[in-house]
């Protein structure tokens, strides 16, 4: 079942995120729980899960961003797309992406964007099969450690 995340999904979602980014540190100060609650409490932020018999097997994070162009239509950024490792290739990814994209369209978004750091061809094929095109725009990423003088 595709649904919005609930407070009691926190541990299962964090488990999926550990599969996505295994080198991320485990937080013990509660900042991850606070961020999770902030996401759940914001009307423009949507954390979705696929629940199979009470087990969260996939998740996505949809950000709906207000906009002044395109007739003041919002746009969407999708992050942290994860399907449980043992269930990849079973169609769950397409199911959660379809629900996430529908939520973006229902919110009036004129486009949805995502980035991936994956170099795996199957990952790129998956996103293309979900309707994303790598040829429309270019993505650039800056990090605080990469600041340049004058920027």
N, C-alpha and C. Protein backbone atom coordinates (compact mmCIF):
# COMPACT_ATOMS: atom_id res chain seq x y z
N UNK A 1 0.83 -1.17 0.00
CA UNK A 1 0.00 0.00 0.00
C UNK A 1 0.89 1.25 0.00
N UNK A 2 0.64 2.15 -0.93
CA UNK A 2 1.31 3.45 -1.00
C UNK A 2 0.60 4.37 -0.02
N UNK A 3 1.39 5.01 0.86
CA UNK A 3 0.78 5.92 1.84
C UNK A 3 1.81 6.91 2.34
N UNK A 4 1.31 7.95 3.02
CA UNK A 4 2.19 8.90 3.69
C UNK A 4 2.82 8.21 4.89
N UNK A 5 4.06 8.57 5.17
CA UNK A 5 4.73 8.02 6.34
C UNK A 5 4.05 8.51 7.61
N UNK A 6 4.15 7.67 8.63
CA UNK A 6 3.62 8.01 9.95
C UNK A 6 4.78 8.00 10.95
N UNK A 7 4.52 8.59 12.11
CA UNK A 7 5.55 8.67 13.15
C UNK A 7 6.15 7.31 13.48
N UNK A 8 5.34 6.27 13.49
CA UNK A 8 5.85 4.95 13.87
C UNK A 8 6.65 4.26 12.75
N UNK A 9 6.81 4.91 11.60
CA UNK A 9 7.61 4.36 10.51
C UNK A 9 9.08 4.74 10.59
N UNK A 10 9.43 5.59 11.54
CA UNK A 10 10.78 6.17 11.59
C UNK A 10 11.88 5.12 11.50
N UNK A 11 11.87 4.13 12.35
CA UNK A 11 12.97 3.14 12.38
C UNK A 11 13.07 2.38 11.07
N UNK A 12 11.95 2.02 10.47
CA UNK A 12 11.99 1.28 9.20
C UNK A 12 12.53 2.16 8.07
N UNK A 13 12.15 3.43 8.06
CA UNK A 13 12.65 4.34 7.03
C UNK A 13 14.15 4.56 7.21
N UNK A 14 14.59 4.76 8.44
CA UNK A 14 16.03 4.92 8.70
C UNK A 14 16.78 3.66 8.25
N UNK A 15 16.20 2.50 8.45
CA UNK A 15 16.82 1.25 7.97
C UNK A 15 17.00 1.25 6.46
N UNK A 16 16.00 1.75 5.73
CA UNK A 16 16.13 1.86 4.27
C UNK A 16 17.20 2.87 3.90
N UNK A 17 17.25 4.00 4.61
CA UNK A 17 18.26 5.02 4.33
C UNK A 17 19.67 4.48 4.57
N UNK A 18 19.81 3.58 5.52
CA UNK A 18 21.13 2.98 5.76
C UNK A 18 21.54 2.11 4.57
N UNK A 19 20.57 1.55 3.86
CA UNK A 19 20.89 0.81 2.63
C UNK A 19 21.30 1.78 1.53
N UNK A 20 20.67 2.95 1.49
CA UNK A 20 20.97 3.96 0.47
C UNK A 20 22.35 4.57 0.71
N UNK A 21 22.64 4.93 1.97
CA UNK A 21 23.89 5.60 2.33
C UNK A 21 24.52 4.89 3.54
N UNK A 22 25.14 3.74 3.31
CA UNK A 22 25.66 2.96 4.44
C UNK A 22 26.76 3.66 5.24
N UNK A 23 27.41 4.66 4.67
CA UNK A 23 28.49 5.36 5.37
C UNK A 23 27.99 6.52 6.23
N UNK A 24 26.70 6.84 6.14
CA UNK A 24 26.17 7.90 7.00
C UNK A 24 26.33 7.51 8.47
N UNK A 25 26.71 8.47 9.31
CA UNK A 25 26.84 8.14 10.73
C UNK A 25 25.47 7.89 11.37
N UNK A 26 25.46 7.04 12.38
CA UNK A 26 24.26 6.81 13.18
C UNK A 26 24.19 7.97 14.17
N UNK A 27 23.06 8.65 14.18
CA UNK A 27 22.90 9.82 15.06
C UNK A 27 22.32 9.37 16.40
N UNK A 28 22.86 9.93 17.45
CA UNK A 28 22.41 9.59 18.80
C UNK A 28 21.85 10.79 19.55
N UNK A 29 21.83 11.96 18.89
CA UNK A 29 21.40 13.18 19.57
C UNK A 29 19.94 13.54 19.33
N UNK A 30 19.22 12.70 18.58
CA UNK A 30 17.82 12.96 18.31
C UNK A 30 17.55 13.91 17.16
N UNK A 31 18.60 14.40 16.51
CA UNK A 31 18.39 15.34 15.41
C UNK A 31 17.69 14.68 14.22
N UNK A 32 17.90 13.38 14.04
CA UNK A 32 17.21 12.69 12.95
C UNK A 32 15.72 12.56 13.25
N UNK A 33 15.37 12.30 14.49
CA UNK A 33 13.96 12.22 14.88
C UNK A 33 13.30 13.60 14.74
N UNK A 34 14.01 14.65 15.12
CA UNK A 34 13.47 16.01 15.00
C UNK A 34 13.24 16.38 13.53
N UNK A 35 14.19 16.03 12.66
CA UNK A 35 14.02 16.30 11.23
C UNK A 35 12.85 15.51 10.66
N UNK A 36 12.72 14.26 11.08
CA UNK A 36 11.60 13.42 10.64
C UNK A 36 10.27 14.05 11.04
N UNK A 37 10.16 14.50 12.26
CA UNK A 37 8.92 15.13 12.73
C UNK A 37 8.65 16.43 11.99
N UNK A 38 9.70 17.19 11.68
CA UNK A 38 9.53 18.42 10.92
C UNK A 38 9.00 18.12 9.52
N UNK A 39 9.54 17.09 8.89
CA UNK A 39 9.05 16.69 7.57
C UNK A 39 7.58 16.29 7.63
N UNK A 40 7.24 15.46 8.61
CA UNK A 40 5.85 15.01 8.73
C UNK A 40 4.90 16.16 9.01
N UNK A 41 5.38 17.21 9.67
CA UNK A 41 4.53 18.33 10.03
C UNK A 41 4.43 19.44 8.99
N UNK A 42 5.17 19.33 7.90
CA UNK A 42 5.16 20.38 6.89
C UNK A 42 4.24 20.02 5.73
N UNK A 43 3.33 20.92 5.35
CA UNK A 43 2.40 20.59 4.27
C UNK A 43 3.06 20.49 2.89
N UNK A 44 4.25 21.04 2.70
CA UNK A 44 4.91 20.99 1.40
C UNK A 44 5.89 19.83 1.27
N UNK A 45 6.11 19.12 2.37
CA UNK A 45 7.05 18.00 2.37
C UNK A 45 6.26 16.71 2.56
N UNK A 46 6.59 15.72 1.74
CA UNK A 46 5.82 14.47 1.75
C UNK A 46 6.78 13.29 1.77
N UNK A 47 6.75 12.55 2.82
CA UNK A 47 7.53 11.33 2.92
C UNK A 47 6.55 10.17 2.70
N UNK A 48 6.80 9.42 1.63
CA UNK A 48 5.91 8.33 1.28
C UNK A 48 6.58 6.98 1.54
N UNK A 49 5.76 5.98 1.77
CA UNK A 49 6.26 4.61 1.93
C UNK A 49 5.37 3.65 1.16
N UNK A 50 5.94 2.50 0.86
CA UNK A 50 5.15 1.34 0.44
C UNK A 50 5.16 0.40 1.62
N UNK A 51 3.99 0.04 2.05
CA UNK A 51 3.79 -0.82 3.21
C UNK A 51 3.25 -2.16 2.70
N UNK A 52 3.99 -3.23 2.95
CA UNK A 52 3.55 -4.58 2.59
C UNK A 52 3.40 -5.37 3.88
N UNK A 53 2.17 -5.63 4.25
CA UNK A 53 1.87 -6.38 5.47
C UNK A 53 2.54 -5.78 6.71
N UNK A 54 2.50 -4.45 6.81
CA UNK A 54 3.04 -3.77 7.98
C UNK A 54 4.53 -3.51 7.94
N UNK A 55 5.18 -3.88 6.84
CA UNK A 55 6.61 -3.66 6.69
C UNK A 55 6.84 -2.59 5.62
N UNK A 56 7.62 -1.57 5.96
CA UNK A 56 7.97 -0.52 5.00
C UNK A 56 9.06 -1.08 4.09
N UNK A 57 8.74 -1.24 2.81
CA UNK A 57 9.68 -1.86 1.86
C UNK A 57 10.25 -0.86 0.86
N UNK A 58 9.72 0.36 0.85
CA UNK A 58 10.23 1.39 -0.05
C UNK A 58 9.82 2.75 0.49
N UNK A 59 10.60 3.77 0.10
CA UNK A 59 10.28 5.13 0.52
C UNK A 59 10.74 6.14 -0.53
N UNK A 60 10.08 7.28 -0.56
CA UNK A 60 10.48 8.43 -1.36
C UNK A 60 10.18 9.69 -0.55
N UNK A 61 10.84 10.77 -0.92
CA UNK A 61 10.67 12.05 -0.25
C UNK A 61 10.38 13.11 -1.31
N UNK A 62 9.17 13.65 -1.27
CA UNK A 62 8.70 14.63 -2.25
C UNK A 62 8.65 16.01 -1.62
N UNK A 63 9.33 16.97 -2.24
CA UNK A 63 9.31 18.36 -1.81
C UNK A 63 8.55 19.16 -2.86
N UNK A 64 7.47 19.81 -2.46
CA UNK A 64 6.69 20.66 -3.36
C UNK A 64 7.10 22.10 -3.06
N UNK A 65 7.66 22.76 -4.07
CA UNK A 65 8.28 24.07 -3.88
C UNK A 65 7.48 25.14 -4.60
N UNK A 66 7.02 26.16 -3.85
CA UNK A 66 6.30 27.27 -4.49
C UNK A 66 7.20 27.96 -5.51
N UNK A 67 6.58 28.59 -6.50
CA UNK A 67 7.33 29.12 -7.62
C UNK A 67 6.64 30.35 -8.18
N UNK A 68 7.40 31.30 -8.70
CA UNK A 68 6.82 32.51 -9.29
C UNK A 68 6.76 32.46 -10.81
N UNK A 69 7.41 31.49 -11.44
CA UNK A 69 7.32 31.35 -12.88
C UNK A 69 6.30 30.27 -13.22
N UNK A 70 6.11 30.02 -14.50
CA UNK A 70 5.20 28.97 -14.95
C UNK A 70 3.81 29.12 -14.35
N UNK A 71 3.30 30.37 -14.44
CA UNK A 71 1.96 30.69 -13.91
C UNK A 71 1.86 30.41 -12.42
N UNK A 72 2.95 30.63 -11.72
CA UNK A 72 3.03 30.42 -10.27
C UNK A 72 2.75 28.96 -9.89
N UNK A 73 3.09 28.05 -10.80
CA UNK A 73 2.91 26.62 -10.52
C UNK A 73 4.11 26.11 -9.73
N UNK A 74 3.87 25.32 -8.71
CA UNK A 74 5.00 24.76 -7.96
C UNK A 74 5.73 23.70 -8.79
N UNK A 75 6.91 23.35 -8.33
CA UNK A 75 7.63 22.24 -8.92
C UNK A 75 8.02 21.27 -7.81
N UNK A 76 8.41 20.08 -8.18
CA UNK A 76 8.71 19.04 -7.20
C UNK A 76 10.15 18.57 -7.33
N UNK A 77 10.72 18.27 -6.18
CA UNK A 77 12.02 17.62 -6.11
C UNK A 77 11.81 16.33 -5.34
N UNK A 78 12.26 15.25 -5.93
CA UNK A 78 12.14 13.92 -5.31
C UNK A 78 13.53 13.48 -4.87
N UNK A 79 13.61 13.04 -3.65
CA UNK A 79 14.88 12.61 -3.06
C UNK A 79 14.71 11.26 -2.38
N UNK A 80 15.83 10.66 -2.05
CA UNK A 80 15.89 9.48 -1.19
C UNK A 80 14.93 8.38 -1.60
N UNK A 81 15.05 7.96 -2.84
CA UNK A 81 14.25 6.86 -3.38
C UNK A 81 14.96 5.56 -3.01
N UNK A 82 14.30 4.73 -2.20
CA UNK A 82 14.93 3.49 -1.75
C UNK A 82 13.90 2.36 -1.77
N UNK A 83 14.29 1.24 -2.33
CA UNK A 83 13.53 0.00 -2.22
C UNK A 83 14.42 -0.98 -1.45
N UNK A 84 13.83 -1.69 -0.52
CA UNK A 84 14.57 -2.67 0.28
C UNK A 84 15.37 -3.58 -0.65
N UNK A 85 16.64 -3.76 -0.33
CA UNK A 85 17.57 -4.47 -1.21
C UNK A 85 17.04 -5.81 -1.70
N UNK A 86 16.46 -6.60 -0.85
CA UNK A 86 16.02 -7.95 -1.23
C UNK A 86 14.78 -7.92 -2.13
N UNK A 87 14.15 -6.75 -2.26
CA UNK A 87 12.92 -6.65 -3.06
C UNK A 87 13.11 -5.84 -4.34
N UNK A 88 14.32 -5.44 -4.63
CA UNK A 88 14.57 -4.66 -5.85
C UNK A 88 14.33 -5.53 -7.07
N UNK A 89 13.84 -4.89 -8.13
CA UNK A 89 13.56 -5.62 -9.36
C UNK A 89 12.21 -6.30 -9.37
N UNK A 90 11.37 -6.02 -8.37
CA UNK A 90 10.05 -6.67 -8.28
C UNK A 90 8.89 -5.75 -8.65
N UNK A 91 9.20 -4.51 -9.08
CA UNK A 91 8.15 -3.57 -9.45
C UNK A 91 7.76 -2.60 -8.35
N UNK A 92 8.32 -2.77 -7.16
CA UNK A 92 7.97 -1.86 -6.06
C UNK A 92 8.47 -0.44 -6.32
N UNK A 93 9.62 -0.31 -6.95
CA UNK A 93 10.14 1.01 -7.27
C UNK A 93 9.22 1.77 -8.20
N UNK A 94 8.73 1.10 -9.22
CA UNK A 94 7.79 1.75 -10.15
C UNK A 94 6.50 2.13 -9.44
N UNK A 95 6.06 1.29 -8.53
CA UNK A 95 4.83 1.56 -7.79
C UNK A 95 4.97 2.80 -6.91
N UNK A 96 6.06 2.90 -6.16
CA UNK A 96 6.21 4.06 -5.28
C UNK A 96 6.49 5.33 -6.08
N UNK A 97 7.22 5.21 -7.19
CA UNK A 97 7.46 6.40 -8.02
C UNK A 97 6.17 6.87 -8.69
N UNK A 98 5.32 5.95 -9.10
CA UNK A 98 4.04 6.34 -9.70
C UNK A 98 3.20 7.11 -8.69
N UNK A 99 3.15 6.63 -7.46
CA UNK A 99 2.39 7.32 -6.42
C UNK A 99 2.99 8.67 -6.09
N UNK A 100 4.30 8.75 -6.04
CA UNK A 100 4.99 10.01 -5.74
C UNK A 100 4.76 11.03 -6.84
N UNK A 101 4.89 10.61 -8.08
CA UNK A 101 4.64 11.52 -9.20
C UNK A 101 3.18 11.97 -9.22
N UNK A 102 2.26 11.07 -8.94
CA UNK A 102 0.85 11.46 -8.91
C UNK A 102 0.61 12.51 -7.83
N UNK A 103 1.26 12.36 -6.69
CA UNK A 103 1.13 13.36 -5.62
C UNK A 103 1.66 14.72 -6.08
N UNK A 104 2.75 14.71 -6.84
CA UNK A 104 3.28 15.97 -7.39
C UNK A 104 2.29 16.60 -8.36
N UNK A 105 1.72 15.79 -9.25
CA UNK A 105 0.76 16.33 -10.22
C UNK A 105 -0.49 16.81 -9.49
N UNK A 106 -0.94 16.08 -8.48
CA UNK A 106 -2.11 16.50 -7.71
C UNK A 106 -1.87 17.81 -6.98
N UNK A 107 -0.61 18.09 -6.64
CA UNK A 107 -0.26 19.36 -5.97
C UNK A 107 -0.10 20.50 -6.97
N UNK A 108 -0.30 20.21 -8.26
CA UNK A 108 -0.23 21.24 -9.28
C UNK A 108 1.17 21.49 -9.81
N UNK A 109 2.11 20.62 -9.50
CA UNK A 109 3.48 20.82 -9.97
C UNK A 109 3.54 20.72 -11.49
N UNK A 110 4.33 21.61 -12.07
CA UNK A 110 4.48 21.56 -13.53
C UNK A 110 5.64 20.67 -13.96
N UNK A 111 6.50 20.31 -13.01
CA UNK A 111 7.59 19.37 -13.31
C UNK A 111 8.02 18.72 -12.01
N UNK A 112 8.69 17.59 -12.16
CA UNK A 112 9.30 16.89 -11.03
C UNK A 112 10.73 16.57 -11.42
N UNK A 113 11.63 16.80 -10.49
CA UNK A 113 13.05 16.59 -10.75
C UNK A 113 13.62 15.65 -9.70
N UNK A 114 14.67 14.96 -10.09
CA UNK A 114 15.46 14.21 -9.13
C UNK A 114 16.87 14.11 -9.66
N UNK A 115 17.78 13.83 -8.76
CA UNK A 115 19.17 13.57 -9.14
C UNK A 115 19.56 12.23 -8.54
N UNK A 116 20.49 11.57 -9.18
CA UNK A 116 21.04 10.34 -8.63
C UNK A 116 22.55 10.39 -8.75
N UNK A 117 23.20 9.87 -7.74
CA UNK A 117 24.65 9.73 -7.79
C UNK A 117 25.06 8.36 -8.29
N UNK A 118 24.08 7.53 -8.58
CA UNK A 118 24.36 6.18 -9.03
C UNK A 118 24.97 6.17 -10.43
N UNK A 119 25.92 5.31 -10.62
CA UNK A 119 26.51 5.08 -11.94
C UNK A 119 26.00 3.76 -12.53
N UNK A 120 25.08 3.12 -11.83
CA UNK A 120 24.55 1.83 -12.26
C UNK A 120 23.56 2.03 -13.41
N UNK A 121 23.80 1.42 -14.55
CA UNK A 121 22.88 1.59 -15.69
C UNK A 121 21.44 1.24 -15.36
N UNK A 122 21.22 0.24 -14.52
CA UNK A 122 19.85 -0.16 -14.18
C UNK A 122 19.12 0.96 -13.44
N UNK A 123 19.82 1.71 -12.63
CA UNK A 123 19.20 2.83 -11.92
C UNK A 123 18.73 3.88 -12.91
N UNK A 124 19.58 4.20 -13.87
CA UNK A 124 19.22 5.20 -14.88
C UNK A 124 18.09 4.69 -15.77
N UNK A 125 18.10 3.43 -16.10
CA UNK A 125 17.01 2.84 -16.89
C UNK A 125 15.71 2.89 -16.12
N UNK A 126 15.77 2.65 -14.82
CA UNK A 126 14.58 2.73 -13.96
C UNK A 126 13.97 4.13 -14.02
N UNK A 127 14.79 5.16 -13.82
CA UNK A 127 14.26 6.53 -13.83
C UNK A 127 13.70 6.90 -15.21
N UNK A 128 14.37 6.47 -16.27
CA UNK A 128 13.82 6.73 -17.61
C UNK A 128 12.48 6.02 -17.79
N UNK A 129 12.36 4.80 -17.30
CA UNK A 129 11.10 4.06 -17.41
C UNK A 129 9.98 4.72 -16.61
N UNK A 130 10.35 5.48 -15.59
CA UNK A 130 9.36 6.20 -14.77
C UNK A 130 8.98 7.54 -15.39
N UNK A 131 9.60 7.90 -16.51
CA UNK A 131 9.24 9.13 -17.21
C UNK A 131 10.23 10.27 -17.07
N UNK A 132 11.35 10.03 -16.41
CA UNK A 132 12.36 11.08 -16.26
C UNK A 132 13.30 11.07 -17.46
N UNK A 133 13.71 12.27 -17.87
CA UNK A 133 14.62 12.39 -18.99
C UNK A 133 15.93 13.02 -18.53
N UNK A 134 17.06 12.41 -18.87
CA UNK A 134 18.35 13.00 -18.51
C UNK A 134 18.81 14.07 -19.49
N UNK A 135 18.05 14.29 -20.55
CA UNK A 135 18.50 15.16 -21.63
C UNK A 135 17.89 16.55 -21.63
N UNK A 136 17.01 16.87 -20.68
CA UNK A 136 16.28 18.13 -20.72
C UNK A 136 17.05 19.26 -20.02
N UNK A 137 17.64 18.96 -18.88
CA UNK A 137 18.38 19.96 -18.10
C UNK A 137 19.66 19.32 -17.58
N UNK A 138 20.57 20.18 -17.14
CA UNK A 138 21.80 19.72 -16.51
C UNK A 138 21.72 20.01 -15.02
N UNK A 139 22.21 19.11 -14.23
CA UNK A 139 22.23 19.31 -12.78
C UNK A 139 23.65 19.60 -12.33
N UNK A 140 23.77 20.51 -11.39
CA UNK A 140 25.05 20.83 -10.78
C UNK A 140 24.87 20.75 -9.28
N UNK A 141 25.91 20.38 -8.59
CA UNK A 141 25.84 20.21 -7.15
C UNK A 141 27.02 20.92 -6.51
N UNK A 142 26.74 21.73 -5.51
CA UNK A 142 27.79 22.37 -4.73
C UNK A 142 27.67 21.90 -3.29
N UNK A 143 28.77 21.78 -2.63
CA UNK A 143 28.81 21.42 -1.21
C UNK A 143 29.60 22.50 -0.47
N UNK A 144 29.34 22.69 0.81
CA UNK A 144 30.05 23.72 1.56
C UNK A 144 31.57 23.59 1.48
N UNK A 145 32.08 22.38 1.43
CA UNK A 145 33.53 22.17 1.38
C UNK A 145 34.14 22.54 0.03
N UNK A 146 33.29 22.83 -0.96
CA UNK A 146 33.77 23.15 -2.31
C UNK A 146 33.60 24.62 -2.64
N UNK A 147 33.41 25.49 -1.65
CA UNK A 147 33.23 26.92 -1.91
C UNK A 147 34.44 27.50 -2.61
N UNK A 148 34.17 28.38 -3.53
CA UNK A 148 35.20 29.08 -4.27
C UNK A 148 35.14 30.56 -3.92
N UNK A 149 36.28 31.23 -3.86
CA UNK A 149 36.26 32.68 -3.61
C UNK A 149 35.42 33.40 -4.65
N UNK A 150 34.61 34.32 -4.20
CA UNK A 150 33.78 35.09 -5.13
C UNK A 150 32.41 34.48 -5.39
N UNK A 151 32.15 33.29 -4.88
CA UNK A 151 30.85 32.67 -5.09
C UNK A 151 30.12 32.52 -3.77
